[in-house]
Protein backbone atom coordinates (compact mmCIF):
# COMPACT_ATOMS: atom_id res chain seq x y z
CA UNK A 1 29.59 9.01 6.67
CA UNK A 2 26.08 7.81 7.27
CA UNK A 3 22.90 9.24 5.95
CA UNK A 4 21.14 12.04 7.82
CA UNK A 5 17.37 11.39 8.25
CA UNK A 6 14.95 14.29 8.67
CA UNK A 7 12.88 14.68 11.84
CA UNK A 8 9.84 15.87 10.26
CA UNK A 9 6.95 13.74 8.79
CA UNK A 10 6.90 13.63 4.86
CA UNK A 11 3.82 13.04 2.91
CA UNK A 12 3.25 11.88 -0.65
CA UNK A 13 0.06 11.69 -3.01
CA UNK A 14 0.26 8.75 -5.32
CA UNK A 15 -2.16 8.61 -8.19
CA UNK A 16 -4.13 5.85 -9.59
CA UNK A 17 -3.03 4.60 -13.08
CA UNK A 18 -4.33 2.73 -15.94
CA UNK A 19 -1.91 0.45 -17.87
CA UNK A 20 -1.84 -1.35 -21.30
CA UNK A 21 -4.72 1.01 -22.59
CA UNK A 22 -5.56 -1.54 -25.16
CA UNK A 23 -2.75 -2.21 -27.51
CA UNK A 24 0.23 -1.06 -25.19
CA UNK A 25 0.54 -4.16 -23.26
CA UNK A 26 3.11 -3.77 -20.46
CA UNK A 27 4.23 -0.38 -22.07
CA UNK A 28 1.62 2.21 -22.04
CA UNK A 29 0.16 3.93 -18.82
CA UNK A 30 -2.17 6.81 -17.75
CA UNK A 31 -2.04 8.43 -14.47
CA UNK A 32 -5.75 9.32 -13.14
CA UNK A 33 -6.97 11.91 -10.67
CA UNK A 34 -7.64 9.57 -7.89
CA UNK A 35 -5.00 9.29 -5.02
CA UNK A 36 -3.64 7.60 -2.03
CA UNK A 37 -2.21 9.87 0.64
CA UNK A 38 0.80 8.54 2.58
CA UNK A 39 2.78 10.08 5.53
CA UNK A 40 5.90 8.74 7.07
CA UNK A 41 8.35 9.72 9.81
CA UNK A 42 11.37 8.32 11.40
CA UNK A 43 11.02 6.86 14.72
CA UNK A 44 13.40 5.23 17.24
CA UNK A 45 12.71 1.45 16.60
CA UNK A 46 10.20 -0.76 14.89
CA UNK A 47 7.82 -0.38 11.75
CA UNK A 48 4.16 0.53 12.16
CA UNK A 49 1.44 1.12 9.66
CA UNK A 50 -2.13 2.75 9.93
CA UNK A 51 -4.42 1.98 7.01
CA UNK A 52 -7.80 3.89 6.74
CA UNK A 53 -9.90 3.55 3.40
CA UNK A 54 -9.18 0.95 0.97
CA UNK A 55 -7.53 -2.20 2.31
CA UNK A 56 -8.16 -1.22 6.03
CA UNK A 57 -8.33 -4.24 8.33
CA UNK A 58 -6.83 -6.50 5.29
CA UNK A 59 -3.26 -5.13 4.68
CA UNK A 60 -0.35 -5.69 7.04
CA UNK A 61 0.57 -3.04 9.56
CA UNK A 62 4.20 -3.81 9.93
CA UNK A 63 7.27 -4.18 7.62
CA UNK A 64 5.60 -6.42 5.46
CA UNK A 65 3.42 -3.57 4.14
CA UNK A 66 4.24 -2.83 0.51
CA UNK A 67 4.76 0.67 1.30
CA UNK A 68 7.46 -0.05 4.16
CA UNK A 69 9.12 -2.67 1.93
CA UNK A 70 9.43 -0.18 -0.86
CA UNK A 71 10.83 2.46 1.63
CA UNK A 72 13.35 -0.12 2.95
CA UNK A 73 14.49 -1.12 -0.59
CA UNK A 74 15.10 2.47 -1.44
CA UNK A 75 17.05 2.93 1.95
CA UNK A 76 19.06 -0.07 1.05
CA UNK A 77 19.96 1.40 -2.30
CA UNK A 78 21.45 4.36 -0.04
CA UNK A 79 23.10 1.94 2.16
CA UNK A 80 21.46 2.63 5.53
CA UNK A 81 18.03 2.03 7.02
CA UNK A 82 16.49 4.31 9.88
CA UNK A 83 15.98 2.72 13.37
CA UNK A 84 12.14 2.71 12.91
CA UNK A 85 9.17 4.15 10.65
CA UNK A 86 5.63 5.08 11.45
CA UNK A 87 3.53 5.17 8.28
CA UNK A 88 0.09 6.30 7.82
CA UNK A 89 -1.86 5.34 4.43
CA UNK A 90 -5.24 7.05 3.60
CA UNK A 91 -6.29 4.73 0.61
CA UNK A 92 -8.83 5.72 -2.10
CA UNK A 93 -7.48 3.60 -4.95
CA UNK A 94 -9.45 0.25 -5.09
CA UNK A 95 -7.28 -2.68 -4.36
CA UNK A 96 -6.97 -5.47 -7.03
CA UNK A 97 -9.20 -3.79 -9.69
CA UNK A 98 -6.53 -2.83 -12.26
CA UNK A 99 -5.93 0.70 -11.35
CA UNK A 100 -2.45 0.46 -9.96
CA UNK A 101 -2.79 0.29 -6.17
CA UNK A 102 0.33 -1.79 -5.71
CA UNK A 103 2.13 0.59 -7.89
CA UNK A 104 0.97 3.49 -6.02
CA UNK A 105 2.32 2.01 -2.66
CA UNK A 106 5.41 1.32 -4.29
CA UNK A 107 6.17 4.40 -5.64
CA UNK A 108 4.95 6.29 -2.60
CA UNK A 109 7.31 4.08 -0.46
CA UNK A 110 10.22 5.26 -2.76
CA UNK A 111 9.30 8.77 -2.57
CA UNK A 112 8.86 8.89 1.10
CA UNK A 113 12.24 7.19 1.58
CA UNK A 114 13.79 10.03 -0.51
CA UNK A 115 11.98 12.66 1.22
CA UNK A 116 13.24 11.31 4.77
CA UNK A 117 16.83 11.65 3.81
CA UNK A 118 18.51 14.79 3.63
CA UNK A 119 19.67 15.35 -0.12
CA UNK A 120 17.45 12.36 -0.98
CA UNK A 121 16.62 13.92 -4.46
CA UNK A 122 20.39 14.26 -5.47
CA UNK A 123 21.33 10.91 -4.05
CA UNK A 124 18.30 9.09 -5.79
CA UNK A 125 17.37 10.73 -9.07
CA UNK A 126 13.71 10.41 -10.74
CA UNK A 127 15.49 7.93 -13.07
CA UNK A 128 16.85 5.88 -10.10
CA UNK A 129 13.50 5.99 -8.48
CA UNK A 130 11.78 4.69 -11.57
CA UNK A 131 14.31 1.83 -11.68
CA UNK A 132 13.93 0.82 -8.11
CA UNK A 133 9.98 0.86 -8.21
CA UNK A 134 9.85 -1.26 -11.61
CA UNK A 135 12.18 -3.80 -9.99
CA UNK A 136 9.82 -4.17 -7.10
CA UNK A 137 6.83 -4.14 -9.21
CA UNK A 138 8.19 -6.31 -11.93
CA UNK A 139 7.31 -4.15 -14.87
CA UNK A 140 7.20 -0.47 -15.22
CA UNK A 141 3.89 0.16 -17.27
CA UNK A 142 1.95 1.43 -13.89
CA UNK A 143 4.99 2.79 -11.84
CA UNK A 144 5.79 5.06 -14.59
CA UNK A 145 2.69 7.12 -14.75
CA UNK A 146 2.45 6.99 -11.18
CA UNK A 147 5.86 8.62 -10.57
CA UNK A 148 5.96 10.88 -13.75
CA UNK A 149 2.29 11.71 -14.32
CA UNK A 150 0.47 12.09 -17.61
CA UNK A 151 0.58 9.50 -20.37
CA UNK A 152 3.87 7.51 -20.23
CA UNK A 153 5.57 4.97 -22.56
CA UNK A 154 7.87 2.67 -20.58
CA UNK A 155 10.59 0.26 -21.52
CA UNK A 156 13.39 -1.67 -20.05
CA UNK A 157 16.91 -1.77 -21.04
CA UNK A 158 20.02 -3.35 -19.54
CA UNK A 159 20.16 -0.87 -16.72
CA UNK A 160 16.56 -1.20 -15.79
CA UNK A 161 13.30 0.46 -16.43
CA UNK A 162 13.08 3.91 -18.43
CA UNK A 163 10.02 5.94 -19.32
CA UNK A 164 8.90 9.29 -20.91
CA UNK A 165 5.94 11.11 -20.01
CA UNK A 166 3.68 12.98 -22.62
CA UNK A 167 0.84 15.44 -22.15
CA UNK A 168 -2.33 13.98 -23.30
CA UNK A 169 -4.87 16.18 -24.97
CA UNK A 170 -7.20 18.25 -22.96
CA UNK A 171 -10.14 16.39 -24.71
CA UNK A 172 -9.23 13.04 -23.01
CA UNK A 173 -11.66 12.42 -20.01
CA UNK A 174 -11.18 9.02 -18.74
CA UNK A 175 -14.25 7.03 -17.01
CA UNK A 176 -13.64 4.06 -14.89
CA UNK A 177 -16.12 1.40 -14.26
CA UNK A 178 -15.15 -0.48 -11.15
CA UNK A 179 -16.86 -3.83 -10.39
CA UNK A 180 -17.62 -5.20 -7.07
CA UNK A 181 -15.31 -8.13 -7.46
CA UNK A 182 -11.58 -8.10 -7.39
CA UNK A 183 -9.13 -9.45 -9.91
CA UNK A 184 -5.37 -10.44 -9.73
CA UNK A 185 -2.66 -9.83 -12.01
CA UNK A 186 -1.09 -13.23 -11.55
CA UNK A 187 -4.28 -14.94 -12.64
CA UNK A 188 -4.53 -12.58 -15.58
CA UNK A 189 -1.22 -13.19 -16.75
CA UNK A 190 -1.58 -16.93 -16.57
CA UNK A 191 -4.43 -16.48 -19.14
CA UNK A 192 -1.90 -15.22 -21.82
CA UNK A 193 -0.26 -17.74 -24.47
CA UNK A 194 3.59 -17.94 -24.77
CA UNK A 195 3.22 -17.07 -28.26
CA UNK A 196 0.84 -15.03 -30.47
CA UNK A 197 0.47 -14.82 -34.48
CA UNK A 198 2.82 -12.60 -36.14
CA UNK A 199 -0.09 -10.56 -37.78
CA UNK A 200 -1.50 -9.82 -34.20
CA UNK A 201 1.92 -8.56 -33.00
CA UNK A 202 2.08 -6.46 -36.22
CA UNK A 203 -1.59 -5.22 -35.63
CA UNK A 204 -0.85 -4.19 -32.03
CA UNK A 205 2.47 -2.41 -32.97
CA UNK A 206 0.45 -0.35 -35.40
CA UNK A 207 -2.40 0.27 -33.00
CA UNK A 208 0.06 1.36 -30.06
CA UNK A 209 1.80 3.91 -32.48
CA UNK A 210 -1.59 5.20 -33.27
CA UNK A 211 -2.72 5.44 -29.74
CA UNK A 212 0.24 7.63 -28.94
CA UNK A 213 -0.85 9.98 -31.39
CA UNK A 214 -4.52 9.82 -30.58
CA UNK A 215 -3.87 10.52 -26.95
CA UNK A 216 -1.77 13.37 -27.60
CA UNK A 217 -2.95 15.22 -30.51
CA UNK A 218 -6.18 13.63 -32.17
CA UNK A 219 -8.72 12.00 -29.62
CA UNK A 220 -10.98 11.40 -32.72
CA UNK A 221 -8.83 8.49 -33.48
CA UNK A 222 -8.94 6.76 -29.96
CA UNK A 223 -11.72 4.12 -31.06
CA UNK A 224 -9.56 2.53 -33.60
CA UNK A 225 -6.46 3.23 -31.70
CA UNK A 226 -7.42 1.13 -28.66
CA UNK A 227 -7.94 -2.05 -30.53
CA UNK A 228 -5.95 -4.99 -29.13
CA UNK A 229 -5.19 -8.49 -30.20
CA UNK A 230 -2.44 -9.38 -27.82
CA UNK A 231 -4.03 -9.81 -24.06
CA UNK A 232 -7.93 -8.74 -23.66
CA UNK A 233 -9.36 -11.67 -25.74
CA UNK A 234 -7.25 -14.17 -24.07
CA UNK A 235 -8.20 -12.78 -20.49
CA UNK A 236 -11.96 -12.35 -21.52
CA UNK A 237 -13.06 -15.77 -20.25
CA UNK A 238 -11.75 -15.14 -16.87
CA UNK A 239 -13.35 -11.70 -16.39
CA UNK A 240 -16.78 -12.21 -18.44
CA UNK A 241 -18.38 -9.12 -16.88
CA UNK A 242 -15.54 -6.91 -17.94
CA UNK A 243 -15.33 -8.19 -21.48
CA UNK A 244 -19.04 -7.92 -21.95
CA UNK A 245 -18.86 -4.22 -20.62
CA UNK A 246 -16.10 -3.37 -23.18
CA UNK A 247 -18.17 -4.80 -25.89
CA UNK A 248 -21.04 -3.05 -25.02
CA UNK A 249 -19.24 0.34 -24.68
CA UNK A 250 -17.61 -0.27 -27.96
CA UNK A 251 -20.67 -1.13 -29.63
CA UNK A 252 -21.87 2.55 -29.17
CA UNK A 253 -18.69 3.86 -30.23
CA UNK A 254 -16.79 4.31 -26.89
CA UNK A 255 -13.25 3.81 -26.90
CA UNK A 256 -13.05 1.19 -23.95
CA UNK A 257 -10.64 -1.16 -22.69
CA UNK A 258 -9.73 -3.25 -19.65
CA UNK A 259 -7.87 -1.24 -17.16
CA UNK A 260 -4.47 -2.85 -16.51
CA UNK A 261 -4.97 -6.47 -15.66
CA UNK A 262 -8.75 -5.64 -14.82
CA UNK A 263 -11.35 -6.29 -13.83
CA UNK A 264 -12.06 -2.46 -14.13
CA UNK A 265 -13.04 -0.97 -17.41
CA UNK A 266 -11.54 2.24 -18.97
CA UNK A 267 -13.38 4.44 -21.24
CA UNK A 268 -11.27 7.09 -22.90
CA UNK A 269 -14.15 8.90 -24.93
CA UNK A 270 -17.51 10.47 -23.65
CA UNK A 271 -19.91 7.61 -22.61
CA UNK A 272 -23.43 8.38 -23.58
CA UNK A 273 -25.57 9.86 -20.82
CA UNK A 274 -28.16 6.91 -21.03
CA UNK A 275 -25.84 3.95 -21.28
CA UNK A 276 -26.27 1.71 -18.22
CA UNK A 277 -23.23 -0.33 -17.09
CA UNK A 278 -25.34 -2.47 -14.62
CA UNK A 279 -25.75 -2.69 -10.92
CA UNK A 280 -22.36 -4.21 -10.18
CA UNK A 281 -20.44 -1.41 -11.59
CA UNK A 282 -19.70 2.03 -10.23
CA UNK A 283 -18.83 4.54 -12.94
CA UNK A 284 -16.60 7.74 -12.10
CA UNK A 285 -15.43 10.24 -14.34
CA UNK A 286 -11.69 11.25 -13.68
CA UNK A 287 -9.19 13.63 -15.04
CA UNK A 288 -5.46 12.79 -16.22
CA UNK A 289 -3.05 13.62 -13.38
CA UNK A 290 -0.14 15.51 -14.97
CA UNK A 291 2.29 15.66 -12.04
CA UNK A 292 2.76 12.27 -10.78
CA UNK A 293 3.63 11.24 -7.10
CA UNK A 294 4.02 14.60 -5.24
CA UNK A 295 6.22 14.69 -2.10
CA UNK A 296 5.67 17.37 0.52
CA UNK A 297 7.56 17.85 3.93
CA UNK A 298 11.01 17.04 4.97
CA UNK A 299 13.79 18.15 2.80
CA UNK A 300 11.72 17.57 -0.48
CA UNK A 301 9.12 19.72 -2.22
CA UNK A 302 8.04 18.45 -5.59
CA UNK A 303 5.73 21.37 -6.38
CA UNK A 304 8.26 22.62 -8.80
CA UNK A 305 10.53 20.26 -10.70
CA UNK A 306 12.93 20.72 -13.40
CA UNK A 307 13.48 18.37 -16.19
CA UNK A 308 14.14 14.74 -15.00
CA UNK A 309 16.54 11.98 -16.56
CA UNK A 310 13.49 9.85 -16.96
CA UNK A 311 12.23 11.99 -19.73
CA UNK A 312 9.44 14.07 -18.01
CA UNK A 313 9.71 17.89 -17.91
CA UNK A 314 7.86 20.22 -15.48
């Protein structure tokens, strides 16, 4: 028996995310209160995408768009694709800035597909959704907070990606400094060595554990908890402006790190009112999103969610 697709449109809000958070390379992530709003409906034939906001006029408008590709990958998990899709994207998350724009598209696509299928939540659990999204993205550190919200710890087992979401302290008020120029994950990863000294790996293990405590229970420890020796130093020469801004913020006691692969800079503690990042940076104070990608319409309503297999509770 085939799938039953709903006739009404389905919408989802996907939060921006910041990954790594200093020492938590490829493991830790934080969902932020900056959102892309996506809507999709099943059509009789063809795939169309309308984009406004970030990426308008640049992103593809057909089935090669990342949202549609993620939807189709999810439908393939269920064994059947709809005849056509019409998707609209209102994008607010800056593209290629280290704020999880690709993860927001991927998670949004997975969630839209679930919402367009009758019984989609039962057929694909949140744990399955995380596994699909991480497989498309290649690593789970951004898709986990986008899907689950809050502060997440993600890892990969034999069956795929898994994650837990922990509520951060209410005192954590992230500030992002977004530059004019873009950065690309592939370039940032290419700057990393194939091996690191054992002492640096041990240093980061301790700091990552401390960061989990600092973010959830004791923000006064965020400054030492955000020290890193695994990736930021190696990537610094490729983004000198970002490295200089991190150093400047830390010199005045702010727990600052590169957001994801950069070039955005993330501050996890209060930035002095007189601090001047420079004319090429746009600073924005954000909150921590605690709900993750929210779906409305169709057969899905995520306003109230029970415990999920991936480790998050409502």
